[in-house]
Amino acid sequence: MGALGPLRIGDDEAVTIYRDYDDGLFGRSLYRGVVFSVKLDAFDRYRSLALRDIDGLTAYLVSPGRAAAFADAPELRVDRNGRFVYDRNGLRFVFSLERASPELFAEIERTYPDRPDVVETVSAAYRSGYVVRVHEAENVYRPESARIDYEDVLVAAALIGDRFQPLWGIHDGNALAAGEPAED
């Protein structure tokens, strides 16, 4: 299996996001009605670009155990700005991990207005874990343009994020960087 673990969706190796997201909601999709998938071998045809005019913060969650494993992951290096760089198998993206903001916790409460038990469970996961901020991503959504769209940000974050995403409207991730240690 290796450090990367299996990245299978059906018979294809791919990453998938909800396309009908709202970037004001950290990439959360209200309806989960449209998906966008990219086969991992397709990344060889795209190039990695730095984010310029958009905020790369997402609600993609990385558990504390996986975050700790990033320091020793052979597929990751840390750049001079303290950000993680994944550059392997035709994929290159740069990201950092941050604590969830008060705005994200407010979004969790809005998502489950009549379910305080779910608010507490999801909030606990975000309090103990980290969210992904993307700084550089592959230009897969509109490759003819020389810029990164929020779709590209979400694709990179989904590659990094845990396989299970507890916040409704965030597509499950691929847990690409640093594999998957035992459950936290």
C-alpha atoms as a PDB file:
ATOM      1  CA  MET A   1       0.000   0.000   0.000  1.00  0.00           C
ATOM      2  CA  GLY A   2       2.849   2.465   0.681  1.00  0.00           C
ATOM      3  CA  ALA A   3       2.774   5.819   2.399  1.00  0.00           C
ATOM      4  CA  LEU A   4       0.140   7.193   0.084  1.00  0.00           C
ATOM      5  CA  GLY A   5      -2.429   4.491   0.667  1.00  0.00           C
ATOM      6  CA  PRO A   6      -5.063   3.488  -1.856  1.00  0.00           C
ATOM      7  CA  LEU A   7      -6.756   6.342  -3.682  1.00  0.00           C
ATOM      8  CA  ARG A   8      -9.607   4.537  -5.329  1.00  0.00           C
ATOM      9  CA  ILE A   9     -13.018   5.833  -6.273  1.00  0.00           C
ATOM     10  CA  GLY A  10     -14.713   3.069  -8.186  1.00  0.00           C
ATOM     11  CA  ASP A  11     -12.119   1.663 -10.546  1.00  0.00           C
ATOM     12  CA  ASP A  12     -10.447   5.043 -11.128  1.00  0.00           C
ATOM     13  CA  GLU A  13      -7.911   6.842  -9.014  1.00  0.00           C
ATOM     14  CA  ALA A  14      -9.508  10.259  -8.618  1.00  0.00           C
ATOM     15  CA  VAL A  15     -10.189  13.207  -6.366  1.00  0.00           C
ATOM     16  CA  THR A  16     -13.736  14.561  -6.108  1.00  0.00           C
ATOM     17  CA  ILE A  17     -15.254  17.790  -4.787  1.00  0.00           C
ATOM     18  CA  TYR A  18     -18.753  19.215  -4.706  1.00  0.00           C
ATOM     19  CA  ARG A  19     -18.885  21.719  -7.559  1.00  0.00           C
ATOM     20  CA  ASP A  20     -21.863  23.669  -6.235  1.00  0.00           C
ATOM     21  CA  TYR A  21     -19.859  25.012  -3.282  1.00  0.00           C
ATOM     22  CA  ASP A  22     -19.966  28.447  -1.715  1.00  0.00           C
ATOM     23  CA  ASP A  23     -16.503  29.906  -1.140  1.00  0.00           C
ATOM     24  CA  GLY A  24     -17.986  32.153   1.528  1.00  0.00           C
ATOM     25  CA  LEU A  25     -18.823  28.937   3.395  1.00  0.00           C
ATOM     26  CA  PHE A  26     -15.232  27.620   3.282  1.00  0.00           C
ATOM     27  CA  GLY A  27     -16.091  25.540   0.213  1.00  0.00           C
ATOM     28  CA  ARG A  28     -19.155  23.888   1.727  1.00  0.00           C
ATOM     29  CA  SER A  29     -21.884  22.855  -0.709  1.00  0.00           C
ATOM     30  CA  LEU A  30     -25.413  23.540   0.439  1.00  0.00           C
ATOM     31  CA  TYR A  31     -26.988  21.003  -1.922  1.00  0.00           C
ATOM     32  CA  ARG A  32     -24.246  18.480  -2.800  1.00  0.00           C
ATOM     33  CA  GLY A  33     -25.840  18.181  -6.223  1.00  0.00           C
ATOM     34  CA  VAL A  34     -22.900  18.592  -8.612  1.00  0.00           C
ATOM     35  CA  VAL A  35     -19.534  16.875  -8.350  1.00  0.00           C
ATOM     36  CA  PHE A  36     -16.253  17.526 -10.126  1.00  0.00           C
ATOM     37  CA  SER A  37     -13.726  14.669 -10.327  1.00  0.00           C
ATOM     38  CA  VAL A  38     -10.180  14.566 -11.638  1.00  0.00           C
ATOM     39  CA  LYS A  39      -8.253  11.351 -12.231  1.00  0.00           C
ATOM     40  CA  LEU A  40      -4.940  11.500 -10.435  1.00  0.00           C
ATOM     41  CA  ASP A  41      -2.959  10.582 -13.541  1.00  0.00           C
ATOM     42  CA  ALA A  42      -4.424  13.659 -15.295  1.00  0.00           C
ATOM     43  CA  PHE A  43      -2.421  16.002 -13.070  1.00  0.00           C
ATOM     44  CA  ASP A  44       0.630  15.373 -15.259  1.00  0.00           C
ATOM     45  CA  ARG A  45      -1.002  17.606 -17.887  1.00  0.00           C
ATOM     46  CA  TYR A  46      -1.524  20.607 -15.594  1.00  0.00           C
ATOM     47  CA  ARG A  47       0.776  23.025 -13.876  1.00  0.00           C
ATOM     48  CA  SER A  48       0.929  24.271 -10.361  1.00  0.00           C
ATOM     49  CA  LEU A  49       0.340  27.975  -9.718  1.00  0.00           C
ATOM     50  CA  ALA A  50       0.336  30.191  -6.652  1.00  0.00           C
ATOM     51  CA  LEU A  51      -2.963  31.651  -5.485  1.00  0.00           C
ATOM     52  CA  ARG A  52      -3.245  35.337  -6.222  1.00  0.00           C
ATOM     53  CA  ASP A  53      -6.681  36.893  -5.788  1.00  0.00           C
ATOM     54  CA  ILE A  54      -8.482  34.262  -3.738  1.00  0.00           C
ATOM     55  CA  ASP A  55      -8.246  33.036  -0.173  1.00  0.00           C
ATOM     56  CA  GLY A  56      -7.129  29.423  -0.011  1.00  0.00           C
ATOM     57  CA  LEU A  57      -8.806  28.673   3.311  1.00  0.00           C
ATOM     58  CA  THR A  58     -11.142  25.665   3.267  1.00  0.00           C
ATOM     59  CA  ALA A  59     -13.137  23.601   5.746  1.00  0.00           C
ATOM     60  CA  TYR A  60     -11.255  20.417   4.797  1.00  0.00           C
ATOM     61  CA  LEU A  61     -10.270  18.758   8.052  1.00  0.00           C
ATOM     62  CA  VAL A  62      -7.020  16.991   8.898  1.00  0.00           C
ATOM     63  CA  SER A  63      -7.073  14.953  12.110  1.00  0.00           C
ATOM     64  CA  PRO A  64      -4.424  15.545  14.784  1.00  0.00           C
ATOM     65  CA  GLY A  65      -2.796  12.166  14.125  1.00  0.00           C
ATOM     66  CA  ARG A  66      -2.413  12.780  10.404  1.00  0.00           C
ATOM     67  CA  ALA A  67      -1.200  16.343  11.022  1.00  0.00           C
ATOM     68  CA  ALA A  68       1.506  15.027  13.368  1.00  0.00           C
ATOM     69  CA  ALA A  69       2.543  12.469  10.747  1.00  0.00           C
ATOM     70  CA  PHE A  70       3.148  15.230   8.184  1.00  0.00           C
ATOM     71  CA  ALA A  71       6.444  16.174   9.865  1.00  0.00           C
ATOM     72  CA  ASP A  72       7.920  12.742   9.044  1.00  0.00           C
ATOM     73  CA  ALA A  73       6.156  12.058   5.765  1.00  0.00           C
ATOM     74  CA  PRO A  74       8.653  11.335   2.981  1.00  0.00           C
ATOM     75  CA  GLU A  75       6.292  12.790   0.363  1.00  0.00           C
ATOM     76  CA  LEU A  76       6.192  16.191   2.105  1.00  0.00           C
ATOM     77  CA  ARG A  77       8.799  18.846   2.714  1.00  0.00           C
ATOM     78  CA  VAL A  78       8.501  22.149   4.542  1.00  0.00           C
ATOM     79  CA  ASP A  79       9.408  25.313   2.606  1.00  0.00           C
ATOM     80  CA  ARG A  80      11.130  28.396   4.054  1.00  0.00           C
ATOM     81  CA  ASN A  81       7.696  29.858   4.940  1.00  0.00           C
ATOM     82  CA  GLY A  82       6.812  26.824   7.068  1.00  0.00           C
ATOM     83  CA  ARG A  83       4.295  25.509   4.530  1.00  0.00           C
ATOM     84  CA  PHE A  84       4.042  21.903   3.404  1.00  0.00           C
ATOM     85  CA  VAL A  85       5.001  21.109  -0.187  1.00  0.00           C
ATOM     86  CA  TYR A  86       3.798  17.966  -1.926  1.00  0.00           C
ATOM     87  CA  ASP A  87       5.636  17.399  -5.211  1.00  0.00           C
ATOM     88  CA  ARG A  88       5.333  13.844  -6.407  1.00  0.00           C
ATOM     89  CA  ASN A  89       3.790  11.739  -9.175  1.00  0.00           C
ATOM     90  CA  GLY A  90       2.888  14.776 -11.307  1.00  0.00           C
ATOM     91  CA  LEU A  91       1.151  16.552  -8.430  1.00  0.00           C
ATOM     92  CA  ARG A  92       2.446  19.714  -6.803  1.00  0.00           C
ATOM     93  CA  PHE A  93       0.624  21.744  -4.196  1.00  0.00           C
ATOM     94  CA  VAL A  94       1.581  23.870  -1.225  1.00  0.00           C
ATOM     95  CA  PHE A  95      -0.552  24.104   1.889  1.00  0.00           C
ATOM     96  CA  SER A  96      -0.598  24.918   5.561  1.00  0.00           C
ATOM     97  CA  LEU A  97      -2.678  23.667   8.444  1.00  0.00           C
ATOM     98  CA  GLU A  98      -4.528  26.095  10.694  1.00  0.00           C
ATOM     99  CA  ARG A  99      -6.874  26.005  13.619  1.00  0.00           C
ATOM    100  CA  ALA A 100     -10.518  26.528  12.680  1.00  0.00           C
ATOM    101  CA  SER A 101     -11.729  30.115  12.930  1.00  0.00           C
ATOM    102  CA  PRO A 102     -14.723  31.370  14.926  1.00  0.00           C
ATOM    103  CA  GLU A 103     -16.457  31.925  11.560  1.00  0.00           C
ATOM    104  CA  LEU A 104     -16.155  28.229  10.753  1.00  0.00           C
ATOM    105  CA  PHE A 105     -17.646  27.263  14.119  1.00  0.00           C
ATOM    106  CA  ALA A 106     -20.519  29.671  13.403  1.00  0.00           C
ATOM    107  CA  GLU A 107     -21.003  27.938  10.031  1.00  0.00           C
ATOM    108  CA  ILE A 108     -21.168  24.565  11.806  1.00  0.00           C
ATOM    109  CA  GLU A 109     -23.920  25.927  14.053  1.00  0.00           C
ATOM    110  CA  ARG A 110     -25.827  27.277  11.010  1.00  0.00           C
ATOM    111  CA  THR A 111     -25.477  23.926   9.245  1.00  0.00           C
ATOM    112  CA  TYR A 112     -27.135  21.961  12.063  1.00  0.00           C
ATOM    113  CA  PRO A 113     -29.514  24.498  13.668  1.00  0.00           C
ATOM    114  CA  ASP A 114     -31.734  21.932  15.399  1.00  0.00           C
ATOM    115  CA  ARG A 115     -29.052  19.364  16.226  1.00  0.00           C
ATOM    116  CA  PRO A 116     -26.908  20.502  19.185  1.00  0.00           C
ATOM    117  CA  ASP A 117     -25.482  16.978  19.509  1.00  0.00           C
ATOM    118  CA  VAL A 118     -24.192  17.100  15.922  1.00  0.00           C
ATOM    119  CA  VAL A 119     -22.890  20.654  16.391  1.00  0.00           C
ATOM    120  CA  GLU A 120     -20.874  19.453  19.383  1.00  0.00           C
ATOM    121  CA  THR A 121     -19.527  16.346  17.603  1.00  0.00           C
ATOM    122  CA  VAL A 122     -18.493  18.212  14.452  1.00  0.00           C
ATOM    123  CA  SER A 123     -17.127  21.170  16.437  1.00  0.00           C
ATOM    124  CA  ALA A 124     -15.045  18.804  18.583  1.00  0.00           C
ATOM    125  CA  ALA A 125     -13.454  17.352  15.457  1.00  0.00           C
ATOM    126  CA  TYR A 126     -12.557  20.846  14.248  1.00  0.00           C
ATOM    127  CA  ARG A 127     -11.315  21.953  17.684  1.00  0.00           C
ATOM    128  CA  SER A 128      -8.880  19.047  17.860  1.00  0.00           C
ATOM    129  CA  GLY A 129      -7.875  19.002  14.198  1.00  0.00           C
ATOM    130  CA  TYR A 130      -6.731  21.460  11.567  1.00  0.00           C
ATOM    131  CA  VAL A 131      -8.203  22.996   8.436  1.00  0.00           C
ATOM    132  CA  VAL A 132      -6.346  23.162   5.144  1.00  0.00           C
ATOM    133  CA  ARG A 133      -5.254  26.455   3.606  1.00  0.00           C
ATOM    134  CA  VAL A 134      -3.967  26.043   0.046  1.00  0.00           C
ATOM    135  CA  HIS A 135      -1.212  28.384  -1.192  1.00  0.00           C
ATOM    136  CA  GLU A 136      -0.399  26.730  -4.508  1.00  0.00           C
ATOM    137  CA  ALA A 137      -2.522  24.286  -6.509  1.00  0.00           C
ATOM    138  CA  GLU A 138      -2.714  22.507  -9.823  1.00  0.00           C
ATOM    139  CA  ASN A 139      -4.579  24.436 -12.512  1.00  0.00           C
ATOM    140  CA  VAL A 140      -7.079  21.669 -13.363  1.00  0.00           C
ATOM    141  CA  TYR A 141     -10.445  23.414 -13.447  1.00  0.00           C
ATOM    142  CA  ARG A 142      -9.709  25.942 -16.190  1.00  0.00           C
ATOM    143  CA  PRO A 143      -6.300  24.926 -17.514  1.00  0.00           C
ATOM    144  CA  GLU A 144      -6.549  27.390 -20.405  1.00  0.00           C
ATOM    145  CA  SER A 145      -6.313  30.250 -17.892  1.00  0.00           C
ATOM    146  CA  ALA A 146      -3.152  31.107 -16.052  1.00  0.00           C
ATOM    147  CA  ARG A 147      -4.862  31.383 -12.690  1.00  0.00           C
ATOM    148  CA  ILE A 148      -6.151  29.238  -9.893  1.00  0.00           C
ATOM    149  CA  ASP A 149      -9.901  29.063  -9.277  1.00  0.00           C
ATOM    150  CA  TYR A 150     -11.504  28.062  -5.992  1.00  0.00           C
ATOM    151  CA  GLU A 151     -12.306  24.688  -7.599  1.00  0.00           C
ATOM    152  CA  ASP A 152      -8.540  24.108  -7.861  1.00  0.00           C
ATOM    153  CA  VAL A 153      -8.178  25.054  -4.191  1.00  0.00           C
ATOM    154  CA  LEU A 154     -10.867  22.549  -3.198  1.00  0.00           C
ATOM    155  CA  VAL A 155      -9.287  19.802  -5.315  1.00  0.00           C
ATOM    156  CA  ALA A 156      -5.943  20.315  -3.544  1.00  0.00           C
ATOM    157  CA  ALA A 157      -7.633  20.455  -0.128  1.00  0.00           C
ATOM    158  CA  ALA A 158      -9.614  17.290  -0.895  1.00  0.00           C
ATOM    159  CA  LEU A 159      -6.382  15.501  -1.790  1.00  0.00           C
ATOM    160  CA  ILE A 160      -4.967  16.433   1.621  1.00  0.00           C
ATOM    161  CA  GLY A 161      -8.099  16.181   3.782  1.00  0.00           C
ATOM    162  CA  ASP A 162      -9.108  13.161   5.809  1.00  0.00           C
ATOM    163  CA  ARG A 163     -11.118  10.477   4.059  1.00  0.00           C
ATOM    164  CA  PHE A 164     -14.124  11.266   6.262  1.00  0.00           C
ATOM    165  CA  GLN A 165     -15.174  14.917   6.440  1.00  0.00           C
ATOM    166  CA  PRO A 166     -17.658  15.468   9.280  1.00  0.00           C
ATOM    167  CA  LEU A 167     -19.083  18.791   8.059  1.00  0.00           C
ATOM    168  CA  TRP A 168     -22.099  18.293   5.801  1.00  0.00           C
ATOM    169  CA  GLY A 169     -21.359  19.716   2.350  1.00  0.00           C
ATOM    170  CA  ILE A 170     -17.607  19.025   2.357  1.00  0.00           C
ATOM    171  CA  HIS A 171     -16.835  16.041   0.117  1.00  0.00           C
ATOM    172  CA  ASP A 172     -14.763  13.318   1.726  1.00  0.00           C
ATOM    173  CA  GLY A 173     -11.036  13.670   1.092  1.00  0.00           C
ATOM    174  CA  ASN A 174      -8.293  11.406  -0.207  1.00  0.00           C
ATOM    175  CA  ALA A 175      -5.859  11.627   2.751  1.00  0.00           C
ATOM    176  CA  LEU A 176      -3.043  11.748   0.203  1.00  0.00           C
ATOM    177  CA  ALA A 177      -0.228  13.349   2.158  1.00  0.00           C
ATOM    178  CA  ALA A 178       1.242  11.241   4.970  1.00  0.00           C
ATOM    179  CA  GLY A 179      -1.058   8.258   4.560  1.00  0.00           C
ATOM    180  CA  GLU A 180      -3.479   7.353   7.320  1.00  0.00           C
ATOM    181  CA  PRO A 181      -2.339   6.465  10.833  1.00  0.00           C
ATOM    182  CA  ALA A 182      -4.642   4.693  13.234  1.00  0.00           C
ATOM    183  CA  GLU A 183      -7.825   6.502  14.210  1.00  0.00           C
ATOM    184  CA  ASP A 184      -7.454   9.421  16.627  1.00  0.00           C
END
